[in-house]
Amino acid sequence: MKREHPAVIKQAMGDAVRYYWEPSLIPTLHKLPIVRRSSKLTPAQCSQVEFHHNRSERRHAQVRVIQALIARLDLATLKIGTPLPDGTFLYRSFEEVWKLTDISYSRFKRSIADLKAANLLEVTEVKVKNNEGEIRSRPAIKKISRELLLLLGISEKSLESARSYAREKYERIKKNNEAKMAKRASNRSLAGPIANSLHTRSHSSSASKSHPSAEYLRALWMADQVKSDPSVDLHSLRHKAFLKYPG
């Protein structure tokens, strides 16, 4: 089952379409062609040239890219990706984002370049060295400008409220994961002595092998349960063991 987007994300994705019909909604993007051309001309040349704003086909591609980026946006950090329970962050690649659009990859890359030039998207390349000493690329760190969401019609109050909620939510998830991992580690440390005790008892006498005691069966059953689920509650497990093997 797919996770539903927060209301702020859904609103921003819907409002992004307005830019196609109302280019002035995002001025820095709409005027980008003029800025680019005028930077290559002298003032005298600029006065003789008729500049064009963003054309409709380019706006169409930009809208699709904005929607795809927002669909993979983490509100807490405004980065493109997913925060994980262990505290790390899964950055989404450009290829993953592109697959959410209906445009060619070349148009996608041009729109990404436009968003970067308009200071609406920040991209930081990531390079790592593997064990063989080779330099490998990792998905770039992509961060959407807060200003872009405000330009799309999201109120500052709604945006900050949604971001605060996202931060608190992931902090809870991280703490719960840490507690779960600590519990698993504790249970594993207890599972070892139980298994060793079983091994000793199983070789103590042939009688115990033929007619194992209830205590032996309880310990054996508990060891199997801990092995299959290290996070199981031991207090509850002992109670179930006594019910299963009384005596």
Protein backbone atom coordinates (compact mmCIF):
# COMPACT_ATOMS: atom_id res chain seq x y z
CA MET A 1 0.00 0.00 0.00
CA LYS A 2 1.42 3.35 -1.04
CA ARG A 3 1.93 5.98 1.62
CA GLU A 4 -0.31 9.00 1.08
CA HIS A 5 1.38 12.36 0.65
CA PRO A 6 0.91 15.03 3.35
CA ALA A 7 -1.66 17.72 2.53
CA VAL A 8 1.04 20.35 1.93
CA ILE A 9 2.79 18.12 -0.62
CA LYS A 10 -0.46 17.37 -2.47
CA GLN A 11 -1.33 21.07 -2.56
CA ALA A 12 2.10 22.04 -3.91
CA MET A 13 1.97 19.36 -6.62
CA GLY A 14 -1.48 20.56 -7.69
CA ASP A 15 -0.59 24.25 -7.59
CA ALA A 16 2.53 23.66 -9.70
CA VAL A 17 0.24 23.36 -12.74
CA ARG A 18 -0.72 27.01 -12.29
CA TYR A 19 2.77 28.02 -13.39
CA TYR A 20 2.03 26.72 -16.90
CA TRP A 21 -0.92 29.10 -17.24
CA GLU A 22 0.45 31.87 -15.02
CA PRO A 23 4.21 32.07 -15.71
CA SER A 24 4.59 35.12 -13.46
CA LEU A 25 3.87 32.78 -10.51
CA ILE A 26 7.59 31.90 -10.49
CA PRO A 27 9.34 35.05 -11.80
CA THR A 28 12.93 33.80 -11.64
CA LEU A 29 12.04 30.77 -13.77
CA HIS A 30 9.83 32.70 -16.19
CA LYS A 31 12.47 35.35 -16.88
CA LEU A 32 15.39 32.93 -17.01
CA PRO A 33 15.77 33.00 -20.84
CA ILE A 34 16.01 36.79 -20.73
CA VAL A 35 18.60 36.71 -17.98
CA ARG A 36 20.67 34.12 -19.80
CA ARG A 37 20.67 35.93 -23.14
CA SER A 38 21.20 39.41 -21.74
CA SER A 39 24.25 38.21 -19.78
CA LYS A 40 25.95 37.40 -23.09
CA LEU A 41 25.19 40.77 -24.74
CA THR A 42 26.35 44.31 -24.26
CA PRO A 43 23.87 46.95 -23.06
CA ALA A 44 23.70 48.35 -26.59
CA GLN A 45 22.90 44.94 -28.05
CA CYS A 46 20.25 44.31 -25.39
CA SER A 47 18.38 47.43 -26.46
CA GLN A 48 18.11 46.10 -30.02
CA VAL A 49 17.03 42.54 -29.20
CA GLU A 50 13.49 41.34 -28.55
CA PHE A 51 13.68 38.82 -25.70
CA HIS A 52 11.24 35.99 -25.14
CA HIS A 53 10.09 34.61 -21.82
CA ASN A 54 9.81 30.90 -21.07
CA ARG A 55 7.95 29.16 -23.89
CA SER A 56 4.98 26.90 -23.14
CA GLU A 57 6.73 23.61 -23.99
CA ARG A 58 9.57 24.48 -21.63
CA ARG A 59 7.10 25.42 -18.89
CA HIS A 60 5.34 22.09 -19.38
CA ALA A 61 8.58 20.21 -18.72
CA GLN A 62 9.40 22.41 -15.74
CA VAL A 63 5.98 21.75 -14.19
CA ARG A 64 6.43 17.99 -14.56
CA VAL A 65 9.88 18.11 -12.96
CA ILE A 66 8.69 20.30 -10.07
CA GLN A 67 5.84 17.90 -9.38
CA ALA A 68 8.16 14.87 -9.44
CA LEU A 69 10.66 16.52 -7.08
CA ILE A 70 7.94 17.51 -4.63
CA ALA A 71 6.51 13.96 -4.76
CA ARG A 72 9.81 12.70 -3.29
CA LEU A 73 10.33 15.65 -0.94
CA ASP A 74 11.16 15.21 2.75
CA LEU A 75 9.48 18.16 4.44
CA ALA A 76 11.74 18.07 7.49
CA THR A 77 14.89 18.79 5.45
CA LEU A 78 13.46 19.88 2.07
CA LYS A 79 15.75 17.27 0.51
CA ILE A 80 14.72 14.80 -2.16
CA GLY A 81 14.64 11.39 -0.51
CA THR A 82 13.48 9.46 2.52
CA PRO A 83 14.77 9.59 6.11
CA LEU A 84 15.31 6.08 7.48
CA PRO A 85 14.61 4.80 11.03
CA ASP A 86 18.33 4.32 11.73
CA GLY A 87 18.96 8.06 11.29
CA THR A 88 20.44 7.86 7.79
CA PHE A 89 18.90 9.40 4.66
CA LEU A 90 18.09 7.68 1.37
CA TYR A 91 18.75 10.19 -1.41
CA ARG A 92 16.77 9.68 -4.61
CA SER A 93 18.66 9.69 -7.90
CA PHE A 94 17.70 11.89 -10.83
CA GLU A 95 16.73 8.73 -12.75
CA GLU A 96 14.21 7.81 -10.03
CA VAL A 97 12.70 11.30 -10.13
CA TRP A 98 12.63 11.36 -13.93
CA LYS A 99 10.59 8.12 -14.04
CA LEU A 100 7.78 9.97 -12.27
CA THR A 101 7.44 12.34 -15.25
CA ASP A 102 6.12 11.90 -18.79
CA ILE A 103 8.94 13.77 -20.55
CA SER A 104 12.21 12.68 -22.18
CA TYR A 105 15.37 12.54 -20.10
CA SER A 106 16.97 15.34 -22.14
CA ARG A 107 14.04 17.67 -21.36
CA PHE A 108 14.19 16.54 -17.75
CA LYS A 109 17.88 17.50 -17.49
CA ARG A 110 17.23 20.90 -19.09
CA SER A 111 14.50 21.60 -16.56
CA ILE A 112 16.78 20.59 -13.69
CA ALA A 113 19.38 23.01 -15.04
CA ASP A 114 16.70 25.73 -15.22
CA LEU A 115 15.64 25.17 -11.62
CA LYS A 116 19.26 25.31 -10.47
CA ALA A 117 19.92 28.51 -12.44
CA ALA A 118 16.79 30.09 -10.93
CA ASN A 119 18.06 29.21 -7.41
CA LEU A 120 15.05 26.99 -6.78
CA LEU A 121 17.01 23.74 -6.56
CA GLU A 122 20.38 23.11 -4.93
CA VAL A 123 22.37 20.09 -6.12
CA THR A 124 25.53 18.79 -4.43
CA GLU A 125 27.41 15.98 -6.16
CA VAL A 126 28.60 13.09 -3.96
CA LYS A 127 31.74 11.06 -4.71
CA VAL A 128 33.04 8.17 -2.58
CA LYS A 129 36.12 5.96 -2.76
CA ASN A 130 35.59 2.19 -2.61
CA ASN A 131 37.94 -0.45 -1.17
CA GLU A 132 39.81 -0.67 -4.47
CA GLY A 133 40.50 3.06 -4.41
CA GLU A 134 38.08 3.81 -7.26
CA ILE A 135 35.96 6.96 -7.14
CA ARG A 136 32.25 6.21 -7.44
CA SER A 137 29.30 8.55 -7.77
CA ARG A 138 26.37 8.40 -5.37
CA PRO A 139 22.94 10.03 -5.80
CA ALA A 140 23.46 13.77 -5.54
CA ILE A 141 22.05 15.67 -2.56
CA LYS A 142 19.11 17.62 -3.95
CA LYS A 143 17.37 20.31 -1.91
CA ILE A 144 14.35 22.34 -2.96
CA SER A 145 14.24 26.02 -2.11
CA ARG A 146 11.75 26.94 0.57
CA GLU A 147 10.88 29.93 -1.62
CA LEU A 148 9.59 27.61 -4.37
CA LEU A 149 6.94 26.12 -2.09
CA LEU A 150 5.86 29.59 -0.98
CA LEU A 151 5.63 30.77 -4.61
CA LEU A 152 3.40 27.80 -5.39
CA GLY A 153 0.87 29.09 -2.87
CA ILE A 154 1.76 27.26 0.34
CA SER A 155 1.35 29.64 3.27
CA GLU A 156 4.35 30.11 5.54
CA LYS A 157 2.30 28.97 8.54
CA SER A 158 1.16 25.76 6.82
CA LEU A 159 4.67 25.00 5.61
CA GLU A 160 6.32 25.46 9.00
CA SER A 161 3.58 23.46 10.71
CA ALA A 162 4.04 20.57 8.26
CA ARG A 163 7.83 20.66 8.62
CA SER A 164 7.64 20.66 12.43
CA TYR A 165 5.28 17.68 12.34
CA ALA A 166 7.65 15.81 9.98
CA ARG A 167 10.66 16.48 12.23
CA GLU A 168 8.81 15.25 15.34
CA LYS A 169 7.49 12.19 13.52
CA TYR A 170 10.90 11.04 12.31
CA GLU A 171 12.45 11.74 15.71
CA ARG A 172 9.86 9.41 17.27
CA ILE A 173 10.57 6.75 14.64
CA LYS A 174 14.32 7.04 15.27
CA LYS A 175 13.91 6.71 19.06
CA ASN A 176 11.58 3.72 18.68
CA ASN A 177 14.08 2.06 16.35
CA GLU A 178 16.93 2.65 18.82
CA ALA A 179 14.86 1.12 21.63
CA LYS A 180 13.98 -1.86 19.44
CA MET A 181 17.62 -2.45 18.49
CA ALA A 182 18.68 -2.24 22.16
CA LYS A 183 16.02 -4.80 23.09
CA ARG A 184 17.21 -7.17 20.36
CA ALA A 185 20.79 -6.88 21.56
CA SER A 186 19.67 -7.63 25.13
CA ASN A 187 17.66 -10.67 24.04
CA ARG A 188 20.57 -12.01 22.00
CA SER A 189 22.82 -11.76 25.04
CA LEU A 190 20.27 -13.82 27.01
CA ALA A 191 19.75 -16.35 24.23
CA GLY A 192 23.40 -17.45 24.43
CA PRO A 193 23.32 -18.62 28.07
CA ILE A 194 19.98 -20.36 27.45
CA ALA A 195 21.44 -22.30 24.52
CA ASN A 196 24.58 -23.20 26.49
CA SER A 197 22.45 -24.39 29.39
CA LEU A 198 20.44 -26.58 27.04
CA HIS A 199 23.59 -28.05 25.54
CA THR A 200 24.91 -28.97 29.00
CA ARG A 201 21.63 -30.49 30.12
CA SER A 202 21.17 -32.45 26.92
CA HIS A 203 24.41 -34.31 27.60
CA SER A 204 23.99 -34.73 31.36
CA SER A 205 22.32 -38.14 31.17
CA SER A 206 20.60 -40.45 28.77
CA ALA A 207 17.51 -40.25 30.94
CA SER A 208 17.13 -36.54 30.33
CA LYS A 209 17.27 -37.18 26.60
CA SER A 210 14.59 -39.83 26.78
CA HIS A 211 12.37 -37.96 29.22
CA PRO A 212 13.21 -34.25 29.09
CA SER A 213 11.96 -32.21 32.01
CA ALA A 214 9.40 -29.41 31.68
CA GLU A 215 12.14 -26.93 32.57
CA TYR A 216 14.28 -28.26 29.72
CA LEU A 217 11.39 -28.05 27.22
CA ARG A 218 10.54 -24.52 28.33
CA ALA A 219 14.14 -23.38 27.86
CA LEU A 220 14.35 -25.10 24.48
CA TRP A 221 11.12 -23.51 23.27
CA MET A 222 12.16 -20.05 24.55
CA ALA A 223 15.53 -20.30 22.79
CA ASP A 224 13.77 -21.09 19.49
CA GLN A 225 11.40 -18.14 19.93
CA VAL A 226 14.22 -15.69 20.70
CA LYS A 227 16.18 -16.95 17.71
CA SER A 228 13.25 -16.37 15.34
CA ASP A 229 12.34 -12.99 16.86
CA PRO A 230 15.11 -11.27 18.90
CA SER A 231 12.77 -8.41 19.83
CA VAL A 232 10.25 -10.67 21.60
CA ASP A 233 9.29 -9.69 25.15
CA LEU A 234 11.00 -12.16 27.47
CA HIS A 235 8.59 -11.69 30.40
CA SER A 236 5.66 -12.56 28.17
CA LEU A 237 7.66 -15.40 26.61
CA ARG A 238 8.34 -17.02 30.00
CA HIS A 239 4.64 -16.87 30.85
CA LYS A 240 3.75 -18.59 27.56
CA ALA A 241 6.46 -21.20 28.15
CA PHE A 242 4.98 -22.14 31.54
CA LEU A 243 1.52 -22.42 29.99
CA LYS A 244 2.87 -24.61 27.19
CA TYR A 245 5.06 -26.80 29.43
CA PRO A 246 3.69 -26.72 32.99
CA GLY A 247 5.38 -28.49 35.86
